[in-house]
């Protein structure tokens, strides 16, 4: 049953690719095996093809939110600063999460 489903999805990818991509981007058409390869590549890059993804993201999001809510303001600032060192945080960095800093900054503008 799983092999039949994988084959059906591969055919669907092949047909959609061959119908849309050459006309839009000018790429060449693909065959069944190349479509299957694209599915495998997308599985490697993005995981699980979306099956169960919403549930997993919801559970993961709740875990992260719970950790965030249990942090002190100092721990939150430290977390944001560590992420910023690696290029995260723009445009929604400390300014987005640091409500106290925003309030002080806004009061200084008046």
C-alpha atoms as a PDB file:
ATOM      1  CA  UNK A   1       0.000   0.000   0.000  1.00  0.00           C
ATOM      2  CA  UNK A   2       2.847   2.386   0.865  1.00  0.00           C
ATOM      3  CA  UNK A   3       4.655   1.676  -2.405  1.00  0.00           C
ATOM      4  CA  UNK A   4       1.463   2.367  -4.364  1.00  0.00           C
ATOM      5  CA  UNK A   5       0.969   5.649  -2.505  1.00  0.00           C
ATOM      6  CA  UNK A   6       4.585   6.671  -3.138  1.00  0.00           C
ATOM      7  CA  UNK A   7       4.209   5.815  -6.830  1.00  0.00           C
ATOM      8  CA  UNK A   8       0.962   7.807  -7.054  1.00  0.00           C
ATOM      9  CA  UNK A   9       2.520  10.840  -5.375  1.00  0.00           C
ATOM     10  CA  UNK A  10       5.564  10.564  -7.670  1.00  0.00           C
ATOM     11  CA  UNK A  11       3.304  10.523 -10.730  1.00  0.00           C
ATOM     12  CA  UNK A  12       1.406  13.531  -9.381  1.00  0.00           C
ATOM     13  CA  UNK A  13       4.677  15.429  -8.831  1.00  0.00           C
ATOM     14  CA  UNK A  14       5.853  14.502 -12.326  1.00  0.00           C
ATOM     15  CA  UNK A  15       2.608  15.619 -13.966  1.00  0.00           C
ATOM     16  CA  UNK A  16       2.405  18.869 -12.012  1.00  0.00           C
ATOM     17  CA  UNK A  17       6.066  19.649 -12.675  1.00  0.00           C
ATOM     18  CA  UNK A  18       5.735  18.949 -16.391  1.00  0.00           C
ATOM     19  CA  UNK A  19       2.548  20.998 -16.606  1.00  0.00           C
ATOM     20  CA  UNK A  20       3.726  24.050 -14.616  1.00  0.00           C
ATOM     21  CA  UNK A  21       7.487  24.413 -14.355  1.00  0.00           C
ATOM     22  CA  UNK A  22       8.546  24.405 -18.039  1.00  0.00           C
ATOM     23  CA  UNK A  23       5.969  27.071 -18.871  1.00  0.00           C
ATOM     24  CA  UNK A  24       6.729  29.248 -15.862  1.00  0.00           C
ATOM     25  CA  UNK A  25      10.492  28.906 -15.466  1.00  0.00           C
ATOM     26  CA  UNK A  26      11.597  27.302 -18.718  1.00  0.00           C
ATOM     27  CA  UNK A  27      13.023  24.193 -17.008  1.00  0.00           C
ATOM     28  CA  UNK A  28      12.941  20.812 -18.733  1.00  0.00           C
ATOM     29  CA  UNK A  29      10.334  18.156 -18.107  1.00  0.00           C
ATOM     30  CA  UNK A  30      11.095  15.280 -15.747  1.00  0.00           C
ATOM     31  CA  UNK A  31      10.356  11.562 -15.736  1.00  0.00           C
ATOM     32  CA  UNK A  32       8.915   9.328 -13.023  1.00  0.00           C
ATOM     33  CA  UNK A  33      12.306   8.519 -11.440  1.00  0.00           C
ATOM     34  CA  UNK A  34      13.306  12.165 -11.310  1.00  0.00           C
ATOM     35  CA  UNK A  35       9.980  12.985  -9.644  1.00  0.00           C
ATOM     36  CA  UNK A  36      10.614  10.235  -7.098  1.00  0.00           C
ATOM     37  CA  UNK A  37      14.080  11.712  -6.552  1.00  0.00           C
ATOM     38  CA  UNK A  38      12.541  15.134  -5.910  1.00  0.00           C
ATOM     39  CA  UNK A  39      10.260  13.585  -3.309  1.00  0.00           C
ATOM     40  CA  UNK A  40      13.188  11.910  -1.585  1.00  0.00           C
ATOM     41  CA  UNK A  41      15.177  15.153  -1.708  1.00  0.00           C
ATOM     42  CA  UNK A  42      12.266  17.106  -0.230  1.00  0.00           C
ATOM     43  CA  UNK A  43      11.989  14.475   2.515  1.00  0.00           C
ATOM     44  CA  UNK A  44      15.667  14.915   3.317  1.00  0.00           C
ATOM     45  CA  UNK A  45      15.464  18.712   3.285  1.00  0.00           C
ATOM     46  CA  UNK A  46      12.046  19.297   4.839  1.00  0.00           C
ATOM     47  CA  UNK A  47      11.122  16.011   6.538  1.00  0.00           C
ATOM     48  CA  UNK A  48       7.982  13.915   6.658  1.00  0.00           C
ATOM     49  CA  UNK A  49       6.202  15.476   3.615  1.00  0.00           C
ATOM     50  CA  UNK A  50       3.972  17.338   6.075  1.00  0.00           C
ATOM     51  CA  UNK A  51       2.242  14.272   7.520  1.00  0.00           C
ATOM     52  CA  UNK A  52       1.888  14.962  11.209  1.00  0.00           C
ATOM     53  CA  UNK A  53       3.828  18.192  10.805  1.00  0.00           C
ATOM     54  CA  UNK A  54       1.189  20.476  12.267  1.00  0.00           C
ATOM     55  CA  UNK A  55       0.810  18.339  15.350  1.00  0.00           C
ATOM     56  CA  UNK A  56       4.564  18.153  15.810  1.00  0.00           C
ATOM     57  CA  UNK A  57       4.980  21.899  15.295  1.00  0.00           C
ATOM     58  CA  UNK A  58       2.152  22.576  17.737  1.00  0.00           C
ATOM     59  CA  UNK A  59       3.707  20.313  20.369  1.00  0.00           C
ATOM     60  CA  UNK A  60       7.170  21.772  19.760  1.00  0.00           C
ATOM     61  CA  UNK A  61       5.759  25.287  19.867  1.00  0.00           C
ATOM     62  CA  UNK A  62       4.080  24.642  23.218  1.00  0.00           C
ATOM     63  CA  UNK A  63       7.335  23.283  24.630  1.00  0.00           C
ATOM     64  CA  UNK A  64       9.273  26.327  23.495  1.00  0.00           C
ATOM     65  CA  UNK A  65       6.567  28.681  24.737  1.00  0.00           C
ATOM     66  CA  UNK A  66       6.583  26.936  28.128  1.00  0.00           C
ATOM     67  CA  UNK A  67      10.366  27.326  28.387  1.00  0.00           C
ATOM     68  CA  UNK A  68      10.113  30.986  27.377  1.00  0.00           C
ATOM     69  CA  UNK A  69       7.422  31.689  29.961  1.00  0.00           C
ATOM     70  CA  UNK A  70       9.576  30.115  32.702  1.00  0.00           C
ATOM     71  CA  UNK A  71      12.599  32.307  31.869  1.00  0.00           C
ATOM     72  CA  UNK A  72      13.442  35.396  33.852  1.00  0.00           C
ATOM     73  CA  UNK A  73      13.749  38.655  31.897  1.00  0.00           C
ATOM     74  CA  UNK A  74      17.536  38.386  32.197  1.00  0.00           C
ATOM     75  CA  UNK A  75      17.505  34.839  30.787  1.00  0.00           C
ATOM     76  CA  UNK A  76      15.333  36.011  27.894  1.00  0.00           C
ATOM     77  CA  UNK A  77      17.749  38.840  27.057  1.00  0.00           C
ATOM     78  CA  UNK A  78      20.692  36.422  27.249  1.00  0.00           C
ATOM     79  CA  UNK A  79      18.874  33.981  24.942  1.00  0.00           C
ATOM     80  CA  UNK A  80      18.126  36.736  22.417  1.00  0.00           C
ATOM     81  CA  UNK A  81      21.719  38.021  22.509  1.00  0.00           C
ATOM     82  CA  UNK A  82      23.108  34.512  21.932  1.00  0.00           C
ATOM     83  CA  UNK A  83      20.835  34.013  18.919  1.00  0.00           C
ATOM     84  CA  UNK A  84      21.742  37.441  17.567  1.00  0.00           C
ATOM     85  CA  UNK A  85      25.444  36.434  17.526  1.00  0.00           C
ATOM     86  CA  UNK A  86      24.504  33.731  15.008  1.00  0.00           C
ATOM     87  CA  UNK A  87      22.552  36.094  12.755  1.00  0.00           C
ATOM     88  CA  UNK A  88      19.085  35.514  14.203  1.00  0.00           C
ATOM     89  CA  UNK A  89      16.902  38.262  15.533  1.00  0.00           C
ATOM     90  CA  UNK A  90      16.216  40.554  12.626  1.00  0.00           C
ATOM     91  CA  UNK A  91      13.691  41.978  12.160  1.00  0.00           C
ATOM     92  CA  UNK A  92      12.128  40.417  15.261  1.00  0.00           C
ATOM     93  CA  UNK A  93      15.008  40.354  17.711  1.00  0.00           C
ATOM     94  CA  UNK A  94      15.305  41.726  21.202  1.00  0.00           C
ATOM     95  CA  UNK A  95      13.283  44.763  20.187  1.00  0.00           C
ATOM     96  CA  UNK A  96      10.309  42.494  19.565  1.00  0.00           C
ATOM     97  CA  UNK A  97      10.554  40.570  22.839  1.00  0.00           C
ATOM     98  CA  UNK A  98      12.062  43.208  25.112  1.00  0.00           C
ATOM     99  CA  UNK A  99       8.928  45.073  26.126  1.00  0.00           C
ATOM    100  CA  UNK A 100      10.701  46.955  28.947  1.00  0.00           C
ATOM    101  CA  UNK A 101      13.404  48.210  26.577  1.00  0.00           C
ATOM    102  CA  UNK A 102      10.768  49.270  24.089  1.00  0.00           C
ATOM    103  CA  UNK A 103       8.807  51.167  26.706  1.00  0.00           C
ATOM    104  CA  UNK A 104      11.949  52.981  27.891  1.00  0.00           C
ATOM    105  CA  UNK A 105      12.944  53.740  24.297  1.00  0.00           C
ATOM    106  CA  UNK A 106       9.455  55.055  23.463  1.00  0.00           C
ATOM    107  CA  UNK A 107       9.336  57.181  26.628  1.00  0.00           C
ATOM    108  CA  UNK A 108      12.683  58.733  25.672  1.00  0.00           C
ATOM    109  CA  UNK A 109      11.273  59.783  22.274  1.00  0.00           C
ATOM    110  CA  UNK A 110       8.492  61.869  23.800  1.00  0.00           C
END
